[in-house]
Amino acid sequence: MPTLFFCCLPLLLCGCNNLYFYSPGPQEQPLVAPQHSRYQDHWLPSRSGNTLHLQYHFASSRSDRLVVHFHGNAGNLSETGEKVLWLLEHGFDVLMFDYSGYGHSTGRATSDALAQDAATVLRFVSRNPITRHKNTTIIATSMGSAIALEGLALTGLEAHFNQLLVDSSFDLYSLLARDVVADYPGGRLWRHLIPWFVDDRASPIHTASQLKQLPVIISHCRDDHLIPYQRAAGLYDSLNTNKQWWLLDNCQHARGFTDEYPNHQQQLLFQLNIGEAQVGFESNPESKHPPRAKPHNSAPIGGNSFTAPRGK
């Protein structure tokens, strides 16, 4: 059955027991602005041992602002660009990339590889001549949020970035897995065994708590039927930095900032333009204050099957 659950469960059950150590990677080639195209394909050696496909899109005029996108589990950069490429029209360069095993990147998508890929890309952005002096925002979507947060924890590079948008994410791998299996036959009977098999040490709730200064926005669609927005509330609670909670109306999982929702795009654009200013939906007080997260040993919130296969 081609579901996100079966795509990501091997990562949850097998890979999270590893401890990751970041060391300087191979010499990367610098980005060079193309003469006859508005984007450049780039190949980056990763500390995972694989080669990553990066795609750098240049704004129509020279820009000192950059968005780095960590896409989710489903799809690759050719399918997820709609979430960020609209920012090109507003003066932002956009860097997208595929993890090991996704798109044209080589290797397999293991938890260790994804963590090293994230660290490699963050380090690349922090030192490449075209990107290192830009005002840079990380936009991380769904499972990409967990990958980005682990990369930040591994590298300690949060001071290099200006803000982080965590969209459609979750707090603990174990609770995410429990939410998933609860919708399968008999799942509600054996979901309580999941904590015995899933190591939560690298869960977003723990890597996010290591951030000390990077401003973070936690956004989630109220009607998300893949990851309930309450999962993101625990992640919000773990943050010790300047933080905002955006609960987006009338949208589904990881769709809140696509062209379908221009009002949400304007909300994000305003935030990117003003930096750390506090922005909320005045007409919706709940958008500013997340619900209290349930204790870690609570039952999962909702019984939502994950039906999106990982694109290649």
C-alpha atoms as a PDB file:
ATOM      1  CA  MET A   1       0.000   0.000   0.000  1.00  0.00           C
ATOM      2  CA  PRO A   2       1.756   3.198  -1.170  1.00  0.00           C
ATOM      3  CA  THR A   3       1.367   5.422   1.862  1.00  0.00           C
ATOM      4  CA  LEU A   4       3.547   7.946   3.591  1.00  0.00           C
ATOM      5  CA  PHE A   5       3.420   5.662   6.601  1.00  0.00           C
ATOM      6  CA  PHE A   6       5.136   2.805   4.808  1.00  0.00           C
ATOM      7  CA  CYS A   7       7.610   5.240   3.224  1.00  0.00           C
ATOM      8  CA  CYS A   8       8.680   6.860   6.467  1.00  0.00           C
ATOM      9  CA  LEU A   9       8.217   4.096   9.057  1.00  0.00           C
ATOM     10  CA  PRO A  10      11.605   2.469   8.230  1.00  0.00           C
ATOM     11  CA  LEU A  11      13.177   5.832   8.995  1.00  0.00           C
ATOM     12  CA  LEU A  12      11.264   6.057  12.257  1.00  0.00           C
ATOM     13  CA  LEU A  13      11.953   2.526  13.439  1.00  0.00           C
ATOM     14  CA  CYS A  14      15.464   1.911  12.148  1.00  0.00           C
ATOM     15  CA  GLY A  15      17.338   5.135  11.719  1.00  0.00           C
ATOM     16  CA  CYS A  16      16.649   7.158  14.811  1.00  0.00           C
ATOM     17  CA  ASN A  17      19.007   5.151  17.012  1.00  0.00           C
ATOM     18  CA  ASN A  18      22.054   6.596  15.254  1.00  0.00           C
ATOM     19  CA  LEU A  19      24.100   9.469  16.612  1.00  0.00           C
ATOM     20  CA  TYR A  20      25.112  11.933  13.922  1.00  0.00           C
ATOM     21  CA  PHE A  21      28.393  13.855  13.778  1.00  0.00           C
ATOM     22  CA  TYR A  22      29.045  16.613  11.273  1.00  0.00           C
ATOM     23  CA  SER A  23      32.497  17.192   9.804  1.00  0.00           C
ATOM     24  CA  PRO A  24      33.606  19.433   6.927  1.00  0.00           C
ATOM     25  CA  GLY A  25      32.453  18.096   3.572  1.00  0.00           C
ATOM     26  CA  PRO A  26      34.182  17.808   0.228  1.00  0.00           C
ATOM     27  CA  GLN A  27      35.077  21.012  -1.595  1.00  0.00           C
ATOM     28  CA  GLU A  28      31.887  22.301  -3.184  1.00  0.00           C
ATOM     29  CA  GLN A  29      31.831  24.249  -6.415  1.00  0.00           C
ATOM     30  CA  PRO A  30      30.463  27.807  -6.034  1.00  0.00           C
ATOM     31  CA  LEU A  31      27.161  28.874  -7.500  1.00  0.00           C
ATOM     32  CA  VAL A  32      27.449  31.109 -10.558  1.00  0.00           C
ATOM     33  CA  ALA A  33      24.548  33.211 -11.809  1.00  0.00           C
ATOM     34  CA  PRO A  34      23.577  31.914 -15.283  1.00  0.00           C
ATOM     35  CA  GLN A  35      23.677  34.351 -18.207  1.00  0.00           C
ATOM     36  CA  HIS A  36      20.640  33.107 -20.128  1.00  0.00           C
ATOM     37  CA  SER A  37      18.499  31.419 -17.501  1.00  0.00           C
ATOM     38  CA  ARG A  38      16.851  32.465 -14.277  1.00  0.00           C
ATOM     39  CA  TYR A  39      17.855  29.286 -12.455  1.00  0.00           C
ATOM     40  CA  GLN A  40      20.861  27.020 -12.113  1.00  0.00           C
ATOM     41  CA  ASP A  41      21.061  23.296 -11.419  1.00  0.00           C
ATOM     42  CA  HIS A  42      23.858  22.472  -9.020  1.00  0.00           C
ATOM     43  CA  TRP A  43      25.326  19.196  -7.766  1.00  0.00           C
ATOM     44  CA  LEU A  44      26.490  19.121  -4.171  1.00  0.00           C
ATOM     45  CA  PRO A  45      28.552  16.343  -2.521  1.00  0.00           C
ATOM     46  CA  SER A  46      26.870  15.493   0.778  1.00  0.00           C
ATOM     47  CA  ARG A  47      28.367  14.151   3.989  1.00  0.00           C
ATOM     48  CA  SER A  48      25.919  11.288   3.473  1.00  0.00           C
ATOM     49  CA  GLY A  49      28.205  10.085   0.686  1.00  0.00           C
ATOM     50  CA  ASN A  50      25.602  10.926  -1.937  1.00  0.00           C
ATOM     51  CA  THR A  51      25.312  13.777  -4.433  1.00  0.00           C
ATOM     52  CA  LEU A  52      22.427  16.193  -4.002  1.00  0.00           C
ATOM     53  CA  HIS A  53      20.564  18.006  -6.741  1.00  0.00           C
ATOM     54  CA  LEU A  54      20.148  21.686  -5.895  1.00  0.00           C
ATOM     55  CA  GLN A  55      18.223  24.202  -7.958  1.00  0.00           C
ATOM     56  CA  TYR A  56      18.896  27.891  -7.375  1.00  0.00           C
ATOM     57  CA  HIS A  57      16.314  30.324  -8.739  1.00  0.00           C
ATOM     58  CA  PHE A  58      17.293  33.958  -9.127  1.00  0.00           C
ATOM     59  CA  ALA A  59      14.839  36.808  -8.595  1.00  0.00           C
ATOM     60  CA  SER A  60      14.243  39.044 -11.601  1.00  0.00           C
ATOM     61  CA  SER A  61      16.512  41.699 -10.096  1.00  0.00           C
ATOM     62  CA  ARG A  62      19.575  41.322  -7.929  1.00  0.00           C
ATOM     63  CA  SER A  63      18.414  40.298  -4.461  1.00  0.00           C
ATOM     64  CA  ASP A  64      19.934  40.217  -1.010  1.00  0.00           C
ATOM     65  CA  ARG A  65      17.160  37.935   0.264  1.00  0.00           C
ATOM     66  CA  LEU A  66      17.072  34.160   0.014  1.00  0.00           C
ATOM     67  CA  VAL A  67      14.596  31.408   0.894  1.00  0.00           C
ATOM     68  CA  VAL A  68      15.930  27.870   1.393  1.00  0.00           C
ATOM     69  CA  HIS A  69      13.193  25.242   1.094  1.00  0.00           C
ATOM     70  CA  PHE A  70      13.209  21.835   2.804  1.00  0.00           C
ATOM     71  CA  HIS A  71      10.392  19.915   1.135  1.00  0.00           C
ATOM     72  CA  GLY A  72       8.320  17.179   2.713  1.00  0.00           C
ATOM     73  CA  ASN A  73       8.256  13.415   2.370  1.00  0.00           C
ATOM     74  CA  ALA A  74       5.979  13.353  -0.673  1.00  0.00           C
ATOM     75  CA  GLY A  75       7.420  14.579  -3.948  1.00  0.00           C
ATOM     76  CA  ASN A  76      10.670  16.188  -5.034  1.00  0.00           C
ATOM     77  CA  LEU A  77      11.721  19.720  -5.933  1.00  0.00           C
ATOM     78  CA  SER A  78      10.010  19.564  -9.322  1.00  0.00           C
ATOM     79  CA  GLU A  79       6.696  18.899  -7.568  1.00  0.00           C
ATOM     80  CA  THR A  80       6.987  21.038  -4.436  1.00  0.00           C
ATOM     81  CA  GLY A  81       8.302  24.294  -5.891  1.00  0.00           C
ATOM     82  CA  GLU A  82       4.810  25.805  -5.909  1.00  0.00           C
ATOM     83  CA  LYS A  83       5.155  26.365  -2.171  1.00  0.00           C
ATOM     84  CA  VAL A  84       8.046  28.836  -2.557  1.00  0.00           C
ATOM     85  CA  LEU A  85       8.701  29.800  -6.194  1.00  0.00           C
ATOM     86  CA  TRP A  86       5.986  32.471  -6.071  1.00  0.00           C
ATOM     87  CA  LEU A  87       8.409  34.435  -3.865  1.00  0.00           C
ATOM     88  CA  LEU A  88      10.623  35.079  -6.898  1.00  0.00           C
ATOM     89  CA  GLU A  89       8.129  37.707  -8.052  1.00  0.00           C
ATOM     90  CA  HIS A  90       8.604  39.514  -4.744  1.00  0.00           C
ATOM     91  CA  GLY A  91      12.375  39.834  -4.861  1.00  0.00           C
ATOM     92  CA  PHE A  92      13.545  36.620  -3.179  1.00  0.00           C
ATOM     93  CA  ASP A  93      16.067  34.156  -4.526  1.00  0.00           C
ATOM     94  CA  VAL A  94      14.927  30.564  -3.862  1.00  0.00           C
ATOM     95  CA  LEU A  95      17.120  27.527  -3.224  1.00  0.00           C
ATOM     96  CA  MET A  96      15.445  24.115  -3.454  1.00  0.00           C
ATOM     97  CA  PHE A  97      17.088  20.716  -3.191  1.00  0.00           C
ATOM     98  CA  ASP A  98      16.338  17.023  -3.046  1.00  0.00           C
ATOM     99  CA  TYR A  99      17.480  14.721  -0.262  1.00  0.00           C
ATOM    100  CA  SER A 100      19.348  11.494  -0.911  1.00  0.00           C
ATOM    101  CA  GLY A 101      17.125   9.142  -2.891  1.00  0.00           C
ATOM    102  CA  TYR A 102      14.731  11.875  -4.020  1.00  0.00           C
ATOM    103  CA  GLY A 103      14.465  13.287  -7.517  1.00  0.00           C
ATOM    104  CA  HIS A 104      17.881  13.308  -9.218  1.00  0.00           C
ATOM    105  CA  SER A 105      19.864  13.059  -5.976  1.00  0.00           C
ATOM    106  CA  THR A 106      21.762   9.810  -5.559  1.00  0.00           C
ATOM    107  CA  GLY A 107      21.643   7.194  -2.799  1.00  0.00           C
ATOM    108  CA  ARG A 108      18.861   6.083  -0.482  1.00  0.00           C
ATOM    109  CA  ALA A 109      16.723   8.074   1.911  1.00  0.00           C
ATOM    110  CA  THR A 110      17.824   6.853   5.343  1.00  0.00           C
ATOM    111  CA  SER A 111      17.498   8.927   8.497  1.00  0.00           C
ATOM    112  CA  ASP A 112      21.281   9.241   8.738  1.00  0.00           C
ATOM    113  CA  ALA A 113      21.540  10.376   5.104  1.00  0.00           C
ATOM    114  CA  LEU A 114      18.775  12.973   5.487  1.00  0.00           C
ATOM    115  CA  ALA A 115      20.398  14.443   8.585  1.00  0.00           C
ATOM    116  CA  GLN A 116      23.769  14.710   6.852  1.00  0.00           C
ATOM    117  CA  ASP A 117      22.118  16.161   3.738  1.00  0.00           C
ATOM    118  CA  ALA A 118      20.514  18.891   5.819  1.00  0.00           C
ATOM    119  CA  ALA A 119      23.789  19.734   7.530  1.00  0.00           C
ATOM    120  CA  THR A 120      25.591  19.810   4.179  1.00  0.00           C
ATOM    121  CA  VAL A 121      23.098  22.201   2.589  1.00  0.00           C
ATOM    122  CA  LEU A 122      23.041  24.556   5.582  1.00  0.00           C
ATOM    123  CA  ARG A 123      26.811  24.693   5.644  1.00  0.00           C
ATOM    124  CA  PHE A 124      26.885  25.265   1.869  1.00  0.00           C
ATOM    125  CA  VAL A 125      24.490  28.213   2.167  1.00  0.00           C
ATOM    126  CA  SER A 126      26.506  29.710   5.019  1.00  0.00           C
ATOM    127  CA  ARG A 127      29.781  29.811   3.072  1.00  0.00           C
ATOM    128  CA  ASN A 128      28.971  29.982  -0.646  1.00  0.00           C
ATOM    129  CA  PRO A 129      29.877  33.423  -2.102  1.00  0.00           C
ATOM    130  CA  ILE A 130      26.421  33.967  -3.632  1.00  0.00           C
ATOM    131  CA  THR A 131      24.430  33.023  -0.528  1.00  0.00           C
ATOM    132  CA  ARG A 132      26.494  33.639   2.593  1.00  0.00           C
ATOM    133  CA  HIS A 133      25.754  37.372   2.928  1.00  0.00           C
ATOM    134  CA  LYS A 134      22.050  37.209   2.123  1.00  0.00           C
ATOM    135  CA  ASN A 135      19.163  37.679   4.512  1.00  0.00           C
ATOM    136  CA  THR A 136      18.121  34.029   4.580  1.00  0.00           C
ATOM    137  CA  THR A 137      14.882  32.387   5.672  1.00  0.00           C
ATOM    138  CA  ILE A 138      14.437  28.624   5.942  1.00  0.00           C
ATOM    139  CA  ILE A 139      10.991  27.367   4.943  1.00  0.00           C
ATOM    140  CA  ALA A 140      10.546  23.737   5.971  1.00  0.00           C
ATOM    141  CA  THR A 141       7.422  21.760   5.109  1.00  0.00           C
ATOM    142  CA  SER A 142       6.040  18.694   6.895  1.00  0.00           C
ATOM    143  CA  MET A 143       8.791  16.054   7.278  1.00  0.00           C
ATOM    144  CA  GLY A 144      11.209  18.639   5.889  1.00  0.00           C
ATOM    145  CA  SER A 145      10.822  20.512   9.164  1.00  0.00           C
ATOM    146  CA  ALA A 146      12.243  17.585  11.121  1.00  0.00           C
ATOM    147  CA  ILE A 147      15.131  17.360   8.652  1.00  0.00           C
ATOM    148  CA  ALA A 148      15.881  21.095   8.785  1.00  0.00           C
ATOM    149  CA  LEU A 149      15.766  21.196  12.582  1.00  0.00           C
ATOM    150  CA  GLU A 150      18.160  18.271  12.830  1.00  0.00           C
ATOM    151  CA  GLY A 151      20.505  19.973  10.381  1.00  0.00           C
ATOM    152  CA  LEU A 152      20.491  23.112  12.517  1.00  0.00           C
ATOM    153  CA  ALA A 153      21.190  21.065  15.640  1.00  0.00           C
ATOM    154  CA  LEU A 154      24.082  19.256  13.958  1.00  0.00           C
ATOM    155  CA  THR A 155      25.780  22.346  12.557  1.00  0.00           C
ATOM    156  CA  GLY A 156      25.018  24.995  15.156  1.00  0.00           C
ATOM    157  CA  LEU A 157      24.514  27.453  12.290  1.00  0.00           C
ATOM    158  CA  GLU A 158      21.273  29.047  13.464  1.00  0.00           C
ATOM    159  CA  ALA A 159      22.974  32.450  13.854  1.00  0.00           C
ATOM    160  CA  HIS A 160      23.573  32.543  10.107  1.00  0.00           C
ATOM    161  CA  PHE A 161      19.840  32.463   9.308  1.00  0.00           C
ATOM    162  CA  ASN A 162      17.271  35.188   9.903  1.00  0.00           C
ATOM    163  CA  GLN A 163      14.115  33.182  10.526  1.00  0.00           C
ATOM    164  CA  LEU A 164      12.604  29.730  10.216  1.00  0.00           C
ATOM    165  CA  LEU A 165       9.100  28.818   9.070  1.00  0.00           C
ATOM    166  CA  VAL A 166       8.037  25.347  10.219  1.00  0.00           C
ATOM    167  CA  ASP A 167       4.908  24.414   8.292  1.00  0.00           C
ATOM    168  CA  SER A 168       2.654  21.367   8.757  1.00  0.00           C
ATOM    169  CA  SER A 169       5.046  19.629  11.141  1.00  0.00           C
ATOM    170  CA  PHE A 170       4.842  17.535  14.312  1.00  0.00           C
ATOM    171  CA  ASP A 171       6.461  17.108  17.717  1.00  0.00           C
ATOM    172  CA  LEU A 172       7.479  13.466  18.272  1.00  0.00           C
ATOM    173  CA  TYR A 173       8.129  10.642  15.828  1.00  0.00           C
ATOM    174  CA  SER A 174       6.432   8.181  18.164  1.00  0.00           C
ATOM    175  CA  LEU A 175       3.199  10.175  18.353  1.00  0.00           C
ATOM    176  CA  LEU A 176       3.257  10.737  14.604  1.00  0.00           C
ATOM    177  CA  ALA A 177       3.590   6.977  14.081  1.00  0.00           C
ATOM    178  CA  ARG A 178       0.790   6.327  16.568  1.00  0.00           C
ATOM    179  CA  ASP A 179      -1.477   8.722  14.690  1.00  0.00           C
ATOM    180  CA  VAL A 180      -0.692   6.885  11.466  1.00  0.00           C
ATOM    181  CA  VAL A 181      -1.188   3.293  12.593  1.00  0.00           C
ATOM    182  CA  ALA A 182      -4.378   4.128  14.480  1.00  0.00           C
ATOM    183  CA  ASP A 183      -6.243   4.213  11.166  1.00  0.00           C
ATOM    184  CA  TYR A 184      -5.191   0.717  10.101  1.00  0.00           C
ATOM    185  CA  PRO A 185      -7.061  -2.484  11.051  1.00  0.00           C
ATOM    186  CA  GLY A 186      -6.108  -3.353  14.600  1.00  0.00           C
ATOM    187  CA  GLY A 187      -3.902  -0.301  14.818  1.00  0.00           C
ATOM    188  CA  ARG A 188      -5.593   1.094  17.894  1.00  0.00           C
ATOM    189  CA  LEU A 189      -4.778  -2.134  19.720  1.00  0.00           C
ATOM    190  CA  TRP A 190      -1.010  -2.190  19.108  1.00  0.00           C
ATOM    191  CA  ARG A 191      -0.255   1.534  18.723  1.00  0.00           C
ATOM    192  CA  HIS A 192       0.843   1.604  22.362  1.00  0.00           C
ATOM    193  CA  LEU A 193       3.794  -0.623  21.440  1.00  0.00           C
ATOM    194  CA  ILE A 194       5.254   2.012  19.115  1.00  0.00           C
ATOM    195  CA  PRO A 195       7.295   3.829  21.811  1.00  0.00           C
ATOM    196  CA  TRP A 196       9.220   0.573  22.270  1.00  0.00           C
ATOM    197  CA  PHE A 197      10.388   0.704  18.655  1.00  0.00           C
ATOM    198  CA  VAL A 198      10.697   4.407  17.879  1.00  0.00           C
ATOM    199  CA  ASP A 199      13.591   6.416  19.275  1.00  0.00           C
ATOM    200  CA  ASP A 200      12.443   9.998  19.848  1.00  0.00           C
ATOM    201  CA  ARG A 201      15.864  11.482  20.605  1.00  0.00           C
ATOM    202  CA  ALA A 202      16.045  13.127  17.174  1.00  0.00           C
ATOM    203  CA  SER A 203      12.377  14.189  17.158  1.00  0.00           C
ATOM    204  CA  PRO A 204      11.613  17.812  16.245  1.00  0.00           C
ATOM    205  CA  ILE A 205      10.523  18.616  19.793  1.00  0.00           C
ATOM    206  CA  HIS A 206      14.094  17.968  20.970  1.00  0.00           C
ATOM    207  CA  THR A 207      16.032  19.530  18.100  1.00  0.00           C
ATOM    208  CA  ALA A 208      13.789  22.615  18.170  1.00  0.00           C
ATOM    209  CA  SER A 209      14.468  23.076  21.886  1.00  0.00           C
ATOM    210  CA  GLN A 210      18.178  23.463  21.083  1.00  0.00           C
ATOM    211  CA  LEU A 211      17.558  26.688  19.166  1.00  0.00           C
ATOM    212  CA  LYS A 212      18.673  29.705  21.176  1.00  0.00           C
ATOM    213  CA  GLN A 213      18.158  32.756  18.967  1.00  0.00           C
ATOM    214  CA  LEU A 214      16.575  31.915  15.620  1.00  0.00           C
ATOM    215  CA  PRO A 215      13.026  33.347  15.332  1.00  0.00           C
ATOM    216  CA  VAL A 216      10.549  30.586  14.458  1.00  0.00           C
ATOM    217  CA  ILE A 217       7.044  30.584  13.018  1.00  0.00           C
ATOM    218  CA  ILE A 218       4.978  27.428  13.507  1.00  0.00           C
ATOM    219  CA  SER A 219       2.206  27.329  10.890  1.00  0.00           C
ATOM    220  CA  HIS A 220      -0.411  24.659  10.372  1.00  0.00           C
ATOM    221  CA  CYS A 221      -3.680  24.277   8.502  1.00  0.00           C
ATOM    222  CA  ARG A 222      -6.607  23.892  10.858  1.00  0.00           C
ATOM    223  CA  ASP A 223      -8.212  21.296   8.572  1.00  0.00           C
ATOM    224  CA  ASP A 224      -5.054  19.218   8.073  1.00  0.00           C
ATOM    225  CA  HIS A 225      -6.206  15.586   7.900  1.00  0.00           C
ATOM    226  CA  LEU A 226      -2.695  14.134   7.623  1.00  0.00           C
ATOM    227  CA  ILE A 227      -1.013  15.678  10.652  1.00  0.00           C
ATOM    228  CA  PRO A 228      -3.477  17.229  13.126  1.00  0.00           C
ATOM    229  CA  TYR A 229      -2.516  20.766  14.082  1.00  0.00           C
ATOM    230  CA  GLN A 230      -2.343  19.699  17.738  1.00  0.00           C
ATOM    231  CA  ARG A 231       0.854  17.801  16.852  1.00  0.00           C
ATOM    232  CA  ALA A 232       2.469  21.132  16.050  1.00  0.00           C
ATOM    233  CA  ALA A 233       1.374  22.613  19.368  1.00  0.00           C
ATOM    234  CA  GLY A 234       3.878  20.436  21.233  1.00  0.00           C
ATOM    235  CA  LEU A 235       6.605  21.628  18.907  1.00  0.00           C
ATOM    236  CA  TYR A 236       5.653  25.236  19.566  1.00  0.00           C
ATOM    237  CA  ASP A 237       5.777  24.653  23.320  1.00  0.00           C
ATOM    238  CA  SER A 238       9.331  23.299  23.076  1.00  0.00           C
ATOM    239  CA  LEU A 239      10.747  26.469  21.524  1.00  0.00           C
ATOM    240  CA  ASN A 240      12.800  28.849  23.647  1.00  0.00           C
ATOM    241  CA  THR A 241      13.242  31.515  20.970  1.00  0.00           C
ATOM    242  CA  ASN A 242      11.120  34.331  19.552  1.00  0.00           C
ATOM    243  CA  LYS A 243       8.170  32.346  18.211  1.00  0.00           C
ATOM    244  CA  GLN A 244       4.818  32.763  16.516  1.00  0.00           C
ATOM    245  CA  TRP A 245       1.859  30.443  16.033  1.00  0.00           C
ATOM    246  CA  TRP A 246      -0.127  30.684  12.804  1.00  0.00           C
ATOM    247  CA  LEU A 247      -3.246  28.543  12.478  1.00  0.00           C
ATOM    248  CA  LEU A 248      -4.329  28.775   8.833  1.00  0.00           C
ATOM    249  CA  ASP A 249      -7.966  28.374   7.851  1.00  0.00           C
ATOM    250  CA  ASN A 250      -9.537  26.588   4.890  1.00  0.00           C
ATOM    251  CA  CYS A 251      -6.471  24.640   3.754  1.00  0.00           C
ATOM    252  CA  GLN A 252      -5.144  21.095   3.824  1.00  0.00           C
ATOM    253  CA  HIS A 253      -1.790  19.554   4.680  1.00  0.00           C
ATOM    254  CA  ALA A 254       1.209  21.549   3.382  1.00  0.00           C
ATOM    255  CA  ARG A 255      -0.975  23.585   1.002  1.00  0.00           C
ATOM    256  CA  GLY A 256      -1.324  26.775   3.020  1.00  0.00           C
ATOM    257  CA  PHE A 257       1.193  28.884   1.079  1.00  0.00           C
ATOM    258  CA  THR A 258       0.405  27.813  -2.477  1.00  0.00           C
ATOM    259  CA  ASP A 259      -1.372  30.029  -4.995  1.00  0.00           C
ATOM    260  CA  GLU A 260      -4.684  28.605  -3.797  1.00  0.00           C
ATOM    261  CA  TYR A 261      -4.383  30.790  -0.699  1.00  0.00           C
ATOM    262  CA  PRO A 262      -3.202  34.285  -1.652  1.00  0.00           C
ATOM    263  CA  ASN A 263      -4.148  35.682   1.757  1.00  0.00           C
ATOM    264  CA  HIS A 264      -1.752  33.250   3.441  1.00  0.00           C
ATOM    265  CA  GLN A 265       0.938  34.146   0.922  1.00  0.00           C
ATOM    266  CA  GLN A 266       0.498  37.811   1.760  1.00  0.00           C
ATOM    267  CA  GLN A 267       0.760  36.991   5.464  1.00  0.00           C
ATOM    268  CA  LEU A 268       4.057  35.213   4.857  1.00  0.00           C
ATOM    269  CA  LEU A 269       5.353  37.894   2.502  1.00  0.00           C
ATOM    270  CA  PHE A 270       4.659  40.584   5.081  1.00  0.00           C
ATOM    271  CA  GLN A 271       6.507  38.576   7.707  1.00  0.00           C
ATOM    272  CA  LEU A 272       9.501  38.032   5.430  1.00  0.00           C
ATOM    273  CA  ASN A 273       9.651  41.741   4.709  1.00  0.00           C
ATOM    274  CA  ILE A 274       9.517  42.912   8.299  1.00  0.00           C
ATOM    275  CA  GLY A 275      11.566  40.186   9.960  1.00  0.00           C
ATOM    276  CA  GLU A 276      10.702  39.508  13.590  1.00  0.00           C
ATOM    277  CA  ALA A 277       7.628  41.721  13.938  1.00  0.00           C
ATOM    278  CA  GLN A 278       4.719  39.960  15.554  1.00  0.00           C
ATOM    279  CA  VAL A 279       2.063  39.154  12.982  1.00  0.00           C
ATOM    280  CA  GLY A 280      -1.219  37.376  13.649  1.00  0.00           C
ATOM    281  CA  PHE A 281      -4.680  36.933  12.255  1.00  0.00           C
ATOM    282  CA  GLU A 282      -6.572  39.545  14.219  1.00  0.00           C
ATOM    283  CA  SER A 283      -9.884  38.042  13.198  1.00  0.00           C
ATOM    284  CA  ASN A 284      -8.889  34.709  14.687  1.00  0.00           C
ATOM    285  CA  PRO A 285      -7.373  34.917  18.199  1.00  0.00           C
ATOM    286  CA  GLU A 286      -6.756  31.163  18.225  1.00  0.00           C
ATOM    287  CA  SER A 287      -4.212  31.652  15.439  1.00  0.00           C
ATOM    288  CA  LYS A 288      -1.921  33.408  17.919  1.00  0.00           C
ATOM    289  CA  HIS A 289      -2.126  30.931  20.755  1.00  0.00           C
ATOM    290  CA  PRO A 290      -1.860  27.193  20.140  1.00  0.00           C
ATOM    291  CA  PRO A 291      -3.835  24.705  22.221  1.00  0.00           C
ATOM    292  CA  ARG A 292      -1.963  23.130  25.071  1.00  0.00           C
ATOM    293  CA  ALA A 293      -0.201  20.039  23.774  1.00  0.00           C
ATOM    294  CA  LYS A 294      -1.259  16.732  25.266  1.00  0.00           C
ATOM    295  CA  PRO A 295       1.295  14.898  27.419  1.00  0.00           C
ATOM    296  CA  HIS A 296       3.728  12.677  25.526  1.00  0.00           C
ATOM    297  CA  ASN A 297       2.079   9.547  26.844  1.00  0.00           C
ATOM    298  CA  SER A 298      -1.378  10.555  25.680  1.00  0.00           C
ATOM    299  CA  ALA A 299      -3.373   8.875  22.961  1.00  0.00           C
ATOM    300  CA  PRO A 300      -2.836  10.219  19.459  1.00  0.00           C
ATOM    301  CA  ILE A 301      -4.974  13.103  18.299  1.00  0.00           C
ATOM    302  CA  GLY A 302      -7.136  11.848  15.478  1.00  0.00           C
ATOM    303  CA  GLY A 303      -6.810   8.755  13.361  1.00  0.00           C
ATOM    304  CA  ASN A 304      -5.500  10.051  10.082  1.00  0.00           C
ATOM    305  CA  SER A 305      -4.014   7.841   7.386  1.00  0.00           C
ATOM    306  CA  PHE A 306      -1.072   9.186   5.417  1.00  0.00           C
ATOM    307  CA  THR A 307      -1.779   8.463   1.773  1.00  0.00           C
ATOM    308  CA  ALA A 308       0.833  10.422  -0.183  1.00  0.00           C
ATOM    309  CA  PRO A 309       3.586   8.266  -1.726  1.00  0.00           C
ATOM    310  CA  ARG A 310       7.141   9.576  -1.901  1.00  0.00           C
ATOM    311  CA  GLY A 311       7.705  10.949  -5.388  1.00  0.00           C
ATOM    312  CA  LYS A 312      10.805  10.120  -7.379  1.00  0.00           C
END
